[in-house]
């Protein structure tokens, strides 16, 4: 087996996906950053959710906000709904998996907070319910989605933000979502604290 060929092809596909994603995503990322910056300046919080690898990306974003991204600065309020396995399984047992995020949002979400919903695969009912609940609570909404995610897109209001990745492979979508999270973090730090990575 030619491992080098497989490795090179994967790197090349990632580079190609990045190249075609910059222009369509730049304005959307800016809108998302402004929405989150406004919420944080008003002492609101960012609440994140996702399934599987998307839950891991939500935790990555929360980690960067609560701790730091590139340079030291005050902690920023963020919660990943999927991080508490006891609460998740309790809600799933009594109310069903569809409610695992929405029930927590009804308890923790407030008007002016921002829900960041990450979905690199097809839309699932628990994410749909999370978006609906965030709308009911007058929260801002950012959805990081993919080309096949039409169900969540159909729920979004004009003021909501959808960062849609037009890629066929799930791995490429996750890679661009990860890059977008890092750009979000850098721009939030810049907006709030004047921090900007010039390297």
C-alpha atoms as a PDB file:
ATOM      1  CA  UNK A   1       0.000   0.000   0.000  1.00  0.00           C
ATOM      2  CA  UNK A   2       1.252   3.449  -0.935  1.00  0.00           C
ATOM      3  CA  UNK A   3       0.681   5.377   2.299  1.00  0.00           C
ATOM      4  CA  UNK A   4       2.286   8.532   0.957  1.00  0.00           C
ATOM      5  CA  UNK A   5      -0.246   8.695  -1.894  1.00  0.00           C
ATOM      6  CA  UNK A   6      -3.190   8.368   0.540  1.00  0.00           C
ATOM      7  CA  UNK A   7      -1.704  10.961   2.896  1.00  0.00           C
ATOM      8  CA  UNK A   8      -1.002  13.407   0.055  1.00  0.00           C
ATOM      9  CA  UNK A   9      -4.490  12.975  -1.405  1.00  0.00           C
ATOM     10  CA  UNK A  10      -6.095  13.695   1.983  1.00  0.00           C
ATOM     11  CA  UNK A  11      -4.010  16.826   2.454  1.00  0.00           C
ATOM     12  CA  UNK A  12      -4.826  17.942  -1.083  1.00  0.00           C
ATOM     13  CA  UNK A  13      -8.582  17.458  -0.583  1.00  0.00           C
ATOM     14  CA  UNK A  14      -8.419  19.507   2.607  1.00  0.00           C
ATOM     15  CA  UNK A  15      -6.501  22.300   0.860  1.00  0.00           C
ATOM     16  CA  UNK A  16      -9.039  22.343  -1.983  1.00  0.00           C
ATOM     17  CA  UNK A  17     -11.971  22.494   0.447  1.00  0.00           C
ATOM     18  CA  UNK A  18     -10.349  25.365   2.350  1.00  0.00           C
ATOM     19  CA  UNK A  19      -9.674  27.253  -0.878  1.00  0.00           C
ATOM     20  CA  UNK A  20     -13.290  27.112  -2.085  1.00  0.00           C
ATOM     21  CA  UNK A  21     -14.698  27.857   1.395  1.00  0.00           C
ATOM     22  CA  UNK A  22     -13.002  31.166   2.229  1.00  0.00           C
ATOM     23  CA  UNK A  23     -15.120  33.516   0.096  1.00  0.00           C
ATOM     24  CA  UNK A  24     -18.565  32.041   0.866  1.00  0.00           C
ATOM     25  CA  UNK A  25     -17.840  31.768   4.603  1.00  0.00           C
ATOM     26  CA  UNK A  26     -16.021  35.022   5.395  1.00  0.00           C
ATOM     27  CA  UNK A  27     -19.136  37.203   5.715  1.00  0.00           C
ATOM     28  CA  UNK A  28     -21.027  34.465   7.584  1.00  0.00           C
ATOM     29  CA  UNK A  29     -18.184  34.047  10.086  1.00  0.00           C
ATOM     30  CA  UNK A  30     -18.142  37.822  10.588  1.00  0.00           C
ATOM     31  CA  UNK A  31     -21.899  37.826  11.333  1.00  0.00           C
ATOM     32  CA  UNK A  32     -21.450  34.974  13.817  1.00  0.00           C
ATOM     33  CA  UNK A  33     -18.594  36.769  15.557  1.00  0.00           C
ATOM     34  CA  UNK A  34     -20.643  39.950  15.867  1.00  0.00           C
ATOM     35  CA  UNK A  35     -23.577  38.009  17.331  1.00  0.00           C
ATOM     36  CA  UNK A  36     -21.371  36.309  19.932  1.00  0.00           C
ATOM     37  CA  UNK A  37     -19.411  39.477  20.723  1.00  0.00           C
ATOM     38  CA  UNK A  38     -22.631  41.390  21.360  1.00  0.00           C
ATOM     39  CA  UNK A  39     -23.910  38.643  23.655  1.00  0.00           C
ATOM     40  CA  UNK A  40     -20.666  38.541  25.643  1.00  0.00           C
ATOM     41  CA  UNK A  41     -20.554  42.325  25.988  1.00  0.00           C
ATOM     42  CA  UNK A  42     -24.087  42.163  27.424  1.00  0.00           C
ATOM     43  CA  UNK A  43     -23.010  39.574  30.024  1.00  0.00           C
ATOM     44  CA  UNK A  44     -24.721  36.730  28.163  1.00  0.00           C
ATOM     45  CA  UNK A  45     -23.246  33.339  27.371  1.00  0.00           C
ATOM     46  CA  UNK A  46     -22.561  31.003  24.485  1.00  0.00           C
ATOM     47  CA  UNK A  47     -24.320  27.625  24.724  1.00  0.00           C
ATOM     48  CA  UNK A  48     -23.136  24.869  22.398  1.00  0.00           C
ATOM     49  CA  UNK A  49     -24.468  21.505  21.289  1.00  0.00           C
ATOM     50  CA  UNK A  50     -23.666  18.766  18.805  1.00  0.00           C
ATOM     51  CA  UNK A  51     -23.688  14.983  18.462  1.00  0.00           C
ATOM     52  CA  UNK A  52     -20.652  12.711  18.331  1.00  0.00           C
ATOM     53  CA  UNK A  53     -17.624  14.464  16.852  1.00  0.00           C
ATOM     54  CA  UNK A  54     -19.646  17.696  16.815  1.00  0.00           C
ATOM     55  CA  UNK A  55     -19.996  17.453  20.598  1.00  0.00           C
ATOM     56  CA  UNK A  56     -16.204  17.265  20.743  1.00  0.00           C
ATOM     57  CA  UNK A  57     -15.969  20.419  18.597  1.00  0.00           C
ATOM     58  CA  UNK A  58     -18.457  22.134  20.921  1.00  0.00           C
ATOM     59  CA  UNK A  59     -16.213  21.231  23.852  1.00  0.00           C
ATOM     60  CA  UNK A  60     -13.187  22.565  21.959  1.00  0.00           C
ATOM     61  CA  UNK A  61     -14.892  25.931  21.518  1.00  0.00           C
ATOM     62  CA  UNK A  62     -16.019  25.995  25.162  1.00  0.00           C
ATOM     63  CA  UNK A  63     -12.483  25.142  26.285  1.00  0.00           C
ATOM     64  CA  UNK A  64     -11.047  28.076  24.321  1.00  0.00           C
ATOM     65  CA  UNK A  65     -13.640  30.506  25.688  1.00  0.00           C
ATOM     66  CA  UNK A  66     -13.467  29.422  29.317  1.00  0.00           C
ATOM     67  CA  UNK A  67      -9.676  29.176  29.402  1.00  0.00           C
ATOM     68  CA  UNK A  68      -7.882  30.977  26.583  1.00  0.00           C
ATOM     69  CA  UNK A  69      -7.289  30.716  22.878  1.00  0.00           C
ATOM     70  CA  UNK A  70      -3.917  32.171  21.922  1.00  0.00           C
ATOM     71  CA  UNK A  71      -3.135  34.619  24.727  1.00  0.00           C
ATOM     72  CA  UNK A  72      -4.161  35.084  28.345  1.00  0.00           C
ATOM     73  CA  UNK A  73      -7.377  37.013  28.916  1.00  0.00           C
ATOM     74  CA  UNK A  74     -10.409  36.812  31.246  1.00  0.00           C
ATOM     75  CA  UNK A  75     -12.582  33.697  31.015  1.00  0.00           C
ATOM     76  CA  UNK A  76     -15.644  33.962  28.783  1.00  0.00           C
ATOM     77  CA  UNK A  77     -18.964  32.248  29.666  1.00  0.00           C
ATOM     78  CA  UNK A  78     -19.662  29.142  27.595  1.00  0.00           C
ATOM     79  CA  UNK A  79     -21.429  25.821  28.216  1.00  0.00           C
ATOM     80  CA  UNK A  80     -21.422  22.614  26.160  1.00  0.00           C
ATOM     81  CA  UNK A  81     -24.741  20.846  26.686  1.00  0.00           C
ATOM     82  CA  UNK A  82     -23.401  17.412  25.780  1.00  0.00           C
ATOM     83  CA  UNK A  83     -20.567  17.441  28.314  1.00  0.00           C
ATOM     84  CA  UNK A  84     -22.615  16.302  31.327  1.00  0.00           C
ATOM     85  CA  UNK A  85     -23.249  12.608  30.676  1.00  0.00           C
ATOM     86  CA  UNK A  86     -25.382  12.139  33.812  1.00  0.00           C
ATOM     87  CA  UNK A  87     -27.828  14.881  32.802  1.00  0.00           C
ATOM     88  CA  UNK A  88     -27.872  13.785  29.171  1.00  0.00           C
ATOM     89  CA  UNK A  89     -28.699  10.173  30.022  1.00  0.00           C
ATOM     90  CA  UNK A  90     -31.261  11.192  32.657  1.00  0.00           C
ATOM     91  CA  UNK A  91     -33.135  13.365  30.159  1.00  0.00           C
ATOM     92  CA  UNK A  92     -32.857  10.690  27.462  1.00  0.00           C
ATOM     93  CA  UNK A  93     -34.249   8.073  29.834  1.00  0.00           C
ATOM     94  CA  UNK A  94     -37.271  10.109  30.939  1.00  0.00           C
ATOM     95  CA  UNK A  95     -38.008  12.338  27.935  1.00  0.00           C
ATOM     96  CA  UNK A  96     -36.233  10.705  25.000  1.00  0.00           C
ATOM     97  CA  UNK A  97     -33.079  11.593  23.116  1.00  0.00           C
ATOM     98  CA  UNK A  98     -34.908  14.272  21.139  1.00  0.00           C
ATOM     99  CA  UNK A  99     -35.094  16.439  24.279  1.00  0.00           C
ATOM    100  CA  UNK A 100     -31.511  16.078  25.566  1.00  0.00           C
ATOM    101  CA  UNK A 101     -30.487  19.578  24.470  1.00  0.00           C
ATOM    102  CA  UNK A 102     -33.820  21.423  24.501  1.00  0.00           C
ATOM    103  CA  UNK A 103     -34.633  20.516  28.107  1.00  0.00           C
ATOM    104  CA  UNK A 104     -31.278  21.866  29.249  1.00  0.00           C
ATOM    105  CA  UNK A 105     -31.771  24.993  27.140  1.00  0.00           C
ATOM    106  CA  UNK A 106     -35.107  25.675  28.808  1.00  0.00           C
ATOM    107  CA  UNK A 107     -33.294  25.667  32.158  1.00  0.00           C
ATOM    108  CA  UNK A 108     -30.057  27.431  31.195  1.00  0.00           C
ATOM    109  CA  UNK A 109     -30.811  29.587  28.151  1.00  0.00           C
ATOM    110  CA  UNK A 110     -31.831  33.218  28.520  1.00  0.00           C
ATOM    111  CA  UNK A 111     -32.844  35.897  26.072  1.00  0.00           C
ATOM    112  CA  UNK A 112     -29.705  37.342  24.535  1.00  0.00           C
ATOM    113  CA  UNK A 113     -27.654  34.158  24.941  1.00  0.00           C
ATOM    114  CA  UNK A 114     -26.348  32.525  21.766  1.00  0.00           C
ATOM    115  CA  UNK A 115     -26.874  28.884  20.810  1.00  0.00           C
ATOM    116  CA  UNK A 116     -24.103  27.515  18.615  1.00  0.00           C
ATOM    117  CA  UNK A 117     -25.343  24.262  17.099  1.00  0.00           C
ATOM    118  CA  UNK A 118     -22.768  22.120  15.261  1.00  0.00           C
ATOM    119  CA  UNK A 119     -23.877  19.502  12.748  1.00  0.00           C
ATOM    120  CA  UNK A 120     -21.429  17.881  10.340  1.00  0.00           C
ATOM    121  CA  UNK A 121     -23.861  15.094   9.359  1.00  0.00           C
ATOM    122  CA  UNK A 122     -27.584  14.962   8.598  1.00  0.00           C
ATOM    123  CA  UNK A 123     -29.900  16.918  10.865  1.00  0.00           C
ATOM    124  CA  UNK A 124     -31.144  15.062  13.907  1.00  0.00           C
ATOM    125  CA  UNK A 125     -34.255  15.674  15.967  1.00  0.00           C
ATOM    126  CA  UNK A 126     -32.384  16.734  19.110  1.00  0.00           C
ATOM    127  CA  UNK A 127     -30.627  19.535  17.214  1.00  0.00           C
ATOM    128  CA  UNK A 128     -33.875  20.628  15.580  1.00  0.00           C
ATOM    129  CA  UNK A 129     -35.540  20.833  18.995  1.00  0.00           C
ATOM    130  CA  UNK A 130     -32.568  22.778  20.364  1.00  0.00           C
ATOM    131  CA  UNK A 131     -32.909  25.403  17.625  1.00  0.00           C
ATOM    132  CA  UNK A 132     -36.676  25.653  18.187  1.00  0.00           C
ATOM    133  CA  UNK A 133     -36.175  26.060  21.946  1.00  0.00           C
ATOM    134  CA  UNK A 134     -33.520  28.743  21.454  1.00  0.00           C
ATOM    135  CA  UNK A 135     -35.942  30.651  19.234  1.00  0.00           C
ATOM    136  CA  UNK A 136     -38.684  30.344  21.861  1.00  0.00           C
ATOM    137  CA  UNK A 137     -36.285  31.826  24.434  1.00  0.00           C
ATOM    138  CA  UNK A 138     -35.242  34.717  22.143  1.00  0.00           C
ATOM    139  CA  UNK A 139     -31.670  33.517  21.890  1.00  0.00           C
ATOM    140  CA  UNK A 140     -29.337  34.242  19.014  1.00  0.00           C
ATOM    141  CA  UNK A 141     -28.598  31.181  16.871  1.00  0.00           C
ATOM    142  CA  UNK A 142     -25.537  30.115  14.901  1.00  0.00           C
ATOM    143  CA  UNK A 143     -25.649  26.796  13.067  1.00  0.00           C
ATOM    144  CA  UNK A 144     -22.522  25.195  11.674  1.00  0.00           C
ATOM    145  CA  UNK A 145     -23.996  22.829   9.103  1.00  0.00           C
ATOM    146  CA  UNK A 146     -23.344  20.946   5.885  1.00  0.00           C
ATOM    147  CA  UNK A 147     -24.791  20.760   2.395  1.00  0.00           C
ATOM    148  CA  UNK A 148     -27.292  18.022   3.302  1.00  0.00           C
ATOM    149  CA  UNK A 149     -28.667  19.729   6.411  1.00  0.00           C
ATOM    150  CA  UNK A 150     -31.885  21.216   4.988  1.00  0.00           C
ATOM    151  CA  UNK A 151     -34.119  20.553   8.018  1.00  0.00           C
ATOM    152  CA  UNK A 152     -32.285  22.863  10.401  1.00  0.00           C
ATOM    153  CA  UNK A 153     -31.790  25.480   7.667  1.00  0.00           C
ATOM    154  CA  UNK A 154     -35.562  25.582   7.135  1.00  0.00           C
ATOM    155  CA  UNK A 155     -36.079  26.626  10.782  1.00  0.00           C
ATOM    156  CA  UNK A 156     -33.697  29.570  10.758  1.00  0.00           C
ATOM    157  CA  UNK A 157     -34.856  33.183  10.948  1.00  0.00           C
ATOM    158  CA  UNK A 158     -33.258  35.997   8.917  1.00  0.00           C
ATOM    159  CA  UNK A 159     -31.288  37.146  11.970  1.00  0.00           C
ATOM    160  CA  UNK A 160     -29.876  33.655  12.580  1.00  0.00           C
ATOM    161  CA  UNK A 161     -26.505  32.676  11.140  1.00  0.00           C
ATOM    162  CA  UNK A 162     -25.813  29.513   9.149  1.00  0.00           C
ATOM    163  CA  UNK A 163     -22.240  28.525   8.386  1.00  0.00           C
ATOM    164  CA  UNK A 164     -22.823  25.850   5.754  1.00  0.00           C
ATOM    165  CA  UNK A 165     -19.898  23.767   4.484  1.00  0.00           C
ATOM    166  CA  UNK A 166     -20.325  22.589   0.900  1.00  0.00           C
ATOM    167  CA  UNK A 167     -18.218  19.429   1.041  1.00  0.00           C
ATOM    168  CA  UNK A 168     -19.116  15.800   0.389  1.00  0.00           C
ATOM    169  CA  UNK A 169     -16.845  14.080   2.904  1.00  0.00           C
ATOM    170  CA  UNK A 170     -17.663  14.356   6.601  1.00  0.00           C
ATOM    171  CA  UNK A 171     -13.947  14.661   7.417  1.00  0.00           C
ATOM    172  CA  UNK A 172     -13.635  17.799   5.281  1.00  0.00           C
ATOM    173  CA  UNK A 173     -16.708  19.336   6.951  1.00  0.00           C
ATOM    174  CA  UNK A 174     -15.273  18.677  10.411  1.00  0.00           C
ATOM    175  CA  UNK A 175     -11.939  20.183   9.374  1.00  0.00           C
ATOM    176  CA  UNK A 176     -13.551  23.406   8.137  1.00  0.00           C
ATOM    177  CA  UNK A 177     -15.782  23.582  11.221  1.00  0.00           C
ATOM    178  CA  UNK A 178     -12.657  23.307  13.353  1.00  0.00           C
ATOM    179  CA  UNK A 179     -10.967  26.094  11.418  1.00  0.00           C
ATOM    180  CA  UNK A 180     -14.070  28.264  11.748  1.00  0.00           C
ATOM    181  CA  UNK A 181     -14.100  27.704  15.523  1.00  0.00           C
ATOM    182  CA  UNK A 182     -10.499  28.869  15.735  1.00  0.00           C
ATOM    183  CA  UNK A 183     -11.288  31.955  13.646  1.00  0.00           C
ATOM    184  CA  UNK A 184     -14.319  32.667  15.864  1.00  0.00           C
ATOM    185  CA  UNK A 185     -12.072  32.496  18.930  1.00  0.00           C
ATOM    186  CA  UNK A 186      -9.420  34.784  17.481  1.00  0.00           C
ATOM    187  CA  UNK A 187     -11.941  37.386  16.349  1.00  0.00           C
ATOM    188  CA  UNK A 188     -13.840  37.327  19.653  1.00  0.00           C
ATOM    189  CA  UNK A 189     -10.544  37.898  21.477  1.00  0.00           C
ATOM    190  CA  UNK A 190      -9.752  40.747  19.097  1.00  0.00           C
ATOM    191  CA  UNK A 191     -13.181  42.377  19.501  1.00  0.00           C
ATOM    192  CA  UNK A 192     -13.231  42.120  23.297  1.00  0.00           C
ATOM    193  CA  UNK A 193      -9.585  42.540  24.252  1.00  0.00           C
ATOM    194  CA  UNK A 194      -7.730  43.828  21.212  1.00  0.00           C
ATOM    195  CA  UNK A 195      -5.842  40.526  20.948  1.00  0.00           C
ATOM    196  CA  UNK A 196      -4.846  39.584  17.432  1.00  0.00           C
ATOM    197  CA  UNK A 197      -2.498  36.798  16.376  1.00  0.00           C
ATOM    198  CA  UNK A 198      -0.150  38.349  13.817  1.00  0.00           C
ATOM    199  CA  UNK A 199       2.020  35.250  13.294  1.00  0.00           C
END
